[in-house]
Amino acid sequence: MSNNNEVDDESSKKSDLINVGSGLLSNINYKLAFFMFILGMFLFSDLFIEQVLSNTPGAVDGECATSKGTMIQLLFYTVSLIILDLMIKSNWL
């Protein structure tokens, strides 16, 4: 009789794991992930470093962003994330 309980426990654990996994995948905002990937490719590119960060003193050393430059890039990225999330939630995108 204890064998039946063990089998029931194992099958319920498997179904719970599948339910949790599918629930997590269904809650991903794929539209936001796509736009953030495209934006990240631009913000961390050489073009952004040369055209935008080079105008800020101390943000670029040679062809690379310094710690200050990286903080500026991450600030742009975070603010853009908030704006994009609001736009998607209000059905503008």
N, C-alpha and C. Protein backbone atom coordinates (compact mmCIF):
# COMPACT_ATOMS: atom_id res chain seq x y z
N MET A 1 0.81 -1.19 0.00
CA MET A 1 0.00 0.00 0.00
C MET A 1 0.86 1.26 0.00
N SER A 2 2.01 1.22 0.65
CA SER A 2 2.89 2.38 0.66
C SER A 2 3.50 2.61 -0.72
N ASN A 3 3.61 1.54 -1.53
CA ASN A 3 4.15 1.70 -2.88
C ASN A 3 3.26 2.57 -3.74
N ASN A 4 1.95 2.44 -3.59
CA ASN A 4 1.01 3.26 -4.36
C ASN A 4 1.16 4.74 -4.00
N ASN A 5 1.36 5.01 -2.71
CA ASN A 5 1.53 6.40 -2.27
C ASN A 5 2.81 7.00 -2.85
N GLU A 6 3.88 6.20 -2.92
CA GLU A 6 5.14 6.69 -3.47
C GLU A 6 5.00 6.99 -4.96
N VAL A 7 4.29 6.14 -5.68
CA VAL A 7 4.07 6.36 -7.11
C VAL A 7 3.23 7.61 -7.32
N ASP A 8 2.21 7.80 -6.51
CA ASP A 8 1.36 8.99 -6.62
C ASP A 8 2.16 10.26 -6.34
N ASP A 9 3.04 10.21 -5.34
CA ASP A 9 3.87 11.37 -5.02
C ASP A 9 4.80 11.71 -6.17
N GLU A 10 5.42 10.71 -6.80
CA GLU A 10 6.34 10.95 -7.89
C GLU A 10 5.63 11.53 -9.11
N SER A 11 4.47 11.00 -9.44
CA SER A 11 3.75 11.52 -10.61
C SER A 11 3.23 12.92 -10.36
N SER A 12 2.86 13.24 -9.13
CA SER A 12 2.40 14.61 -8.84
C SER A 12 3.56 15.59 -8.87
N LYS A 13 4.76 15.15 -8.48
CA LYS A 13 5.93 16.03 -8.57
C LYS A 13 6.27 16.33 -10.01
N LYS A 14 6.17 15.32 -10.89
CA LYS A 14 6.46 15.53 -12.30
C LYS A 14 5.45 16.49 -12.92
N SER A 15 4.20 16.33 -12.63
CA SER A 15 3.19 17.21 -13.21
C SER A 15 3.31 18.61 -12.63
N ASP A 16 3.69 18.75 -11.37
CA ASP A 16 3.89 20.07 -10.78
C ASP A 16 5.05 20.79 -11.45
N LEU A 17 6.12 20.07 -11.73
CA LEU A 17 7.28 20.67 -12.37
C LEU A 17 6.93 21.15 -13.78
N ILE A 18 6.17 20.35 -14.49
CA ILE A 18 5.75 20.73 -15.85
C ILE A 18 4.82 21.94 -15.79
N ASN A 19 3.91 21.96 -14.84
CA ASN A 19 3.00 23.10 -14.69
C ASN A 19 3.75 24.38 -14.35
N VAL A 20 4.71 24.28 -13.45
CA VAL A 20 5.49 25.45 -13.07
C VAL A 20 6.32 25.94 -14.25
N GLY A 21 6.96 25.02 -14.97
CA GLY A 21 7.78 25.38 -16.12
C GLY A 21 6.97 26.04 -17.22
N SER A 22 5.82 25.47 -17.52
CA SER A 22 4.98 26.06 -18.57
C SER A 22 4.40 27.38 -18.11
N GLY A 23 4.12 27.52 -16.84
CA GLY A 23 3.64 28.80 -16.31
C GLY A 23 4.69 29.89 -16.42
N LEU A 24 5.94 29.54 -16.14
CA LEU A 24 7.02 30.52 -16.27
C LEU A 24 7.22 30.94 -17.71
N LEU A 25 7.20 30.01 -18.63
CA LEU A 25 7.39 30.33 -20.04
C LEU A 25 6.24 31.14 -20.61
N SER A 26 5.05 30.93 -20.11
CA SER A 26 3.91 31.68 -20.63
C SER A 26 3.87 33.10 -20.10
N ASN A 27 4.60 33.39 -19.01
CA ASN A 27 4.61 34.73 -18.44
C ASN A 27 5.73 35.62 -18.97
N ILE A 28 6.56 35.11 -19.86
CA ILE A 28 7.65 35.91 -20.42
C ILE A 28 7.09 36.90 -21.43
N ASN A 29 7.50 38.14 -21.33
CA ASN A 29 7.09 39.16 -22.27
C ASN A 29 8.09 39.15 -23.43
N TYR A 30 7.77 38.40 -24.47
CA TYR A 30 8.69 38.21 -25.58
C TYR A 30 8.90 39.51 -26.37
N LYS A 31 7.89 40.34 -26.45
CA LYS A 31 8.01 41.60 -27.16
C LYS A 31 9.05 42.50 -26.47
N LEU A 32 8.97 42.58 -25.15
CA LEU A 32 9.93 43.38 -24.39
C LEU A 32 11.34 42.81 -24.52
N ALA A 33 11.46 41.50 -24.46
CA ALA A 33 12.78 40.86 -24.58
C ALA A 33 13.40 41.15 -25.94
N PHE A 34 12.60 41.12 -27.00
CA PHE A 34 13.11 41.42 -28.35
C PHE A 34 13.61 42.85 -28.44
N PHE A 35 12.80 43.81 -27.98
CA PHE A 35 13.20 45.22 -28.07
C PHE A 35 14.43 45.51 -27.19
N MET A 36 14.52 44.87 -26.03
CA MET A 36 15.68 45.10 -25.16
C MET A 36 16.95 44.51 -25.78
N PHE A 37 16.83 43.40 -26.49
CA PHE A 37 17.99 42.83 -27.17
C PHE A 37 18.49 43.78 -28.26
N ILE A 38 17.57 44.30 -29.08
CA ILE A 38 17.95 45.23 -30.14
C ILE A 38 18.56 46.50 -29.54
N LEU A 39 17.93 47.04 -28.50
CA LEU A 39 18.45 48.25 -27.85
C LEU A 39 19.82 47.99 -27.23
N GLY A 40 20.00 46.84 -26.61
CA GLY A 40 21.29 46.49 -26.01
C GLY A 40 22.38 46.38 -27.05
N MET A 41 22.04 45.82 -28.23
CA MET A 41 23.03 45.74 -29.30
C MET A 41 23.50 47.13 -29.71
N PHE A 42 22.59 48.10 -29.73
CA PHE A 42 22.98 49.47 -30.09
C PHE A 42 23.75 50.15 -28.96
N LEU A 43 23.24 50.06 -27.73
CA LEU A 43 23.86 50.79 -26.61
C LEU A 43 25.27 50.31 -26.30
N PHE A 44 25.55 49.05 -26.53
CA PHE A 44 26.86 48.52 -26.21
C PHE A 44 27.75 48.36 -27.44
N SER A 45 27.36 49.02 -28.53
CA SER A 45 28.13 48.94 -29.77
C SER A 45 29.21 50.02 -29.82
N ASP A 46 30.14 49.86 -30.77
CA ASP A 46 31.18 50.86 -30.99
C ASP A 46 30.59 52.17 -31.47
N LEU A 47 29.53 52.10 -32.25
CA LEU A 47 28.87 53.30 -32.76
C LEU A 47 28.38 54.19 -31.62
N PHE A 48 27.73 53.60 -30.62
CA PHE A 48 27.25 54.38 -29.47
C PHE A 48 28.42 54.95 -28.68
N ILE A 49 29.46 54.16 -28.51
CA ILE A 49 30.63 54.63 -27.76
C ILE A 49 31.28 55.80 -28.48
N GLU A 50 31.45 55.69 -29.79
CA GLU A 50 32.13 56.75 -30.56
C GLU A 50 31.28 58.00 -30.72
N GLN A 51 29.97 57.84 -30.93
CA GLN A 51 29.12 58.99 -31.23
C GLN A 51 28.51 59.65 -29.99
N VAL A 52 28.22 58.89 -28.96
CA VAL A 52 27.52 59.45 -27.79
C VAL A 52 28.44 59.56 -26.58
N LEU A 53 29.05 58.44 -26.20
CA LEU A 53 29.87 58.46 -24.98
C LEU A 53 31.12 59.30 -25.11
N SER A 54 31.66 59.40 -26.32
CA SER A 54 32.89 60.18 -26.50
C SER A 54 32.65 61.67 -26.23
N ASN A 55 31.41 62.11 -26.24
CA ASN A 55 31.09 63.51 -25.93
C ASN A 55 31.09 63.80 -24.44
N THR A 56 31.10 62.76 -23.62
CA THR A 56 31.11 62.91 -22.17
C THR A 56 32.54 62.72 -21.67
N PRO A 57 33.08 63.73 -20.98
CA PRO A 57 34.46 63.60 -20.48
C PRO A 57 34.62 62.44 -19.49
N GLY A 58 35.63 61.62 -19.71
CA GLY A 58 35.95 60.52 -18.82
C GLY A 58 35.13 59.26 -19.05
N ALA A 59 34.28 59.24 -20.08
CA ALA A 59 33.44 58.08 -20.32
C ALA A 59 34.08 57.08 -21.26
N VAL A 60 35.11 57.52 -22.01
CA VAL A 60 35.75 56.65 -22.99
C VAL A 60 37.26 56.75 -22.81
N ASP A 61 37.90 55.59 -22.86
CA ASP A 61 39.36 55.53 -22.81
C ASP A 61 39.81 54.77 -24.05
N GLY A 62 40.33 55.48 -25.03
CA GLY A 62 40.69 54.86 -26.30
C GLY A 62 39.43 54.56 -27.08
N GLU A 63 39.15 53.28 -27.28
CA GLU A 63 37.92 52.87 -27.97
C GLU A 63 36.96 52.12 -27.05
N CYS A 64 37.26 52.12 -25.76
CA CYS A 64 36.46 51.36 -24.80
C CYS A 64 35.80 52.28 -23.79
N ALA A 65 34.64 51.88 -23.31
CA ALA A 65 33.96 52.64 -22.28
C ALA A 65 34.64 52.40 -20.93
N THR A 66 34.78 53.46 -20.16
CA THR A 66 35.31 53.35 -18.81
C THR A 66 34.16 52.95 -17.87
N SER A 67 34.44 52.91 -16.59
CA SER A 67 33.38 52.61 -15.62
C SER A 67 32.28 53.65 -15.70
N LYS A 68 32.66 54.90 -15.87
CA LYS A 68 31.67 55.97 -16.01
C LYS A 68 30.84 55.76 -17.27
N GLY A 69 31.49 55.40 -18.36
CA GLY A 69 30.78 55.15 -19.61
C GLY A 69 29.84 53.97 -19.50
N THR A 70 30.26 52.93 -18.83
CA THR A 70 29.40 51.75 -18.63
C THR A 70 28.19 52.11 -17.79
N MET A 71 28.38 52.94 -16.78
CA MET A 71 27.25 53.37 -15.96
C MET A 71 26.25 54.18 -16.79
N ILE A 72 26.76 55.01 -17.70
CA ILE A 72 25.87 55.78 -18.58
C ILE A 72 25.10 54.84 -19.50
N GLN A 73 25.78 53.84 -20.06
CA GLN A 73 25.12 52.86 -20.92
C GLN A 73 24.01 52.13 -20.15
N LEU A 74 24.31 51.70 -18.94
CA LEU A 74 23.32 50.98 -18.14
C LEU A 74 22.17 51.88 -17.72
N LEU A 75 22.44 53.16 -17.50
CA LEU A 75 21.37 54.11 -17.20
C LEU A 75 20.41 54.24 -18.39
N PHE A 76 20.97 54.40 -19.59
CA PHE A 76 20.15 54.45 -20.80
C PHE A 76 19.34 53.15 -20.94
N TYR A 77 19.98 52.03 -20.69
CA TYR A 77 19.34 50.73 -20.84
C TYR A 77 18.17 50.58 -19.86
N THR A 78 18.38 50.96 -18.62
CA THR A 78 17.35 50.82 -17.59
C THR A 78 16.17 51.76 -17.84
N VAL A 79 16.45 53.00 -18.19
CA VAL A 79 15.37 53.95 -18.48
C VAL A 79 14.58 53.47 -19.70
N SER A 80 15.29 52.97 -20.70
CA SER A 80 14.62 52.45 -21.90
C SER A 80 13.74 51.25 -21.56
N LEU A 81 14.21 50.40 -20.65
CA LEU A 81 13.42 49.25 -20.21
C LEU A 81 12.11 49.70 -19.59
N ILE A 82 12.18 50.70 -18.75
CA ILE A 82 10.97 51.20 -18.09
C ILE A 82 10.01 51.80 -19.12
N ILE A 83 10.55 52.61 -20.03
CA ILE A 83 9.71 53.24 -21.05
C ILE A 83 9.08 52.19 -21.97
N LEU A 84 9.88 51.23 -22.44
CA LEU A 84 9.36 50.18 -23.31
C LEU A 84 8.29 49.34 -22.60
N ASP A 85 8.50 49.04 -21.34
CA ASP A 85 7.53 48.25 -20.58
C ASP A 85 6.21 49.01 -20.47
N LEU A 86 6.28 50.31 -20.19
CA LEU A 86 5.06 51.12 -20.11
C LEU A 86 4.36 51.20 -21.47
N MET A 87 5.13 51.33 -22.54
CA MET A 87 4.54 51.41 -23.88
C MET A 87 3.86 50.10 -24.26
N ILE A 88 4.48 48.98 -23.92
CA ILE A 88 3.89 47.68 -24.24
C ILE A 88 2.63 47.45 -23.41
N LYS A 89 2.66 47.80 -22.14
CA LYS A 89 1.48 47.60 -21.29
C LYS A 89 0.31 48.48 -21.70
N SER A 90 0.61 49.64 -22.28
CA SER A 90 -0.48 50.51 -22.72
C SER A 90 -0.82 50.30 -24.20
N ASN A 91 -0.31 49.21 -24.78
CA ASN A 91 -0.59 48.80 -26.15
C ASN A 91 -0.14 49.81 -27.20
N TRP A 92 0.95 50.52 -26.96
CA TRP A 92 1.53 51.41 -27.97
C TRP A 92 2.49 50.65 -28.86
N LEU A 93 2.99 49.52 -28.40
CA LEU A 93 3.88 48.67 -29.20
C LEU A 93 3.30 47.28 -29.32
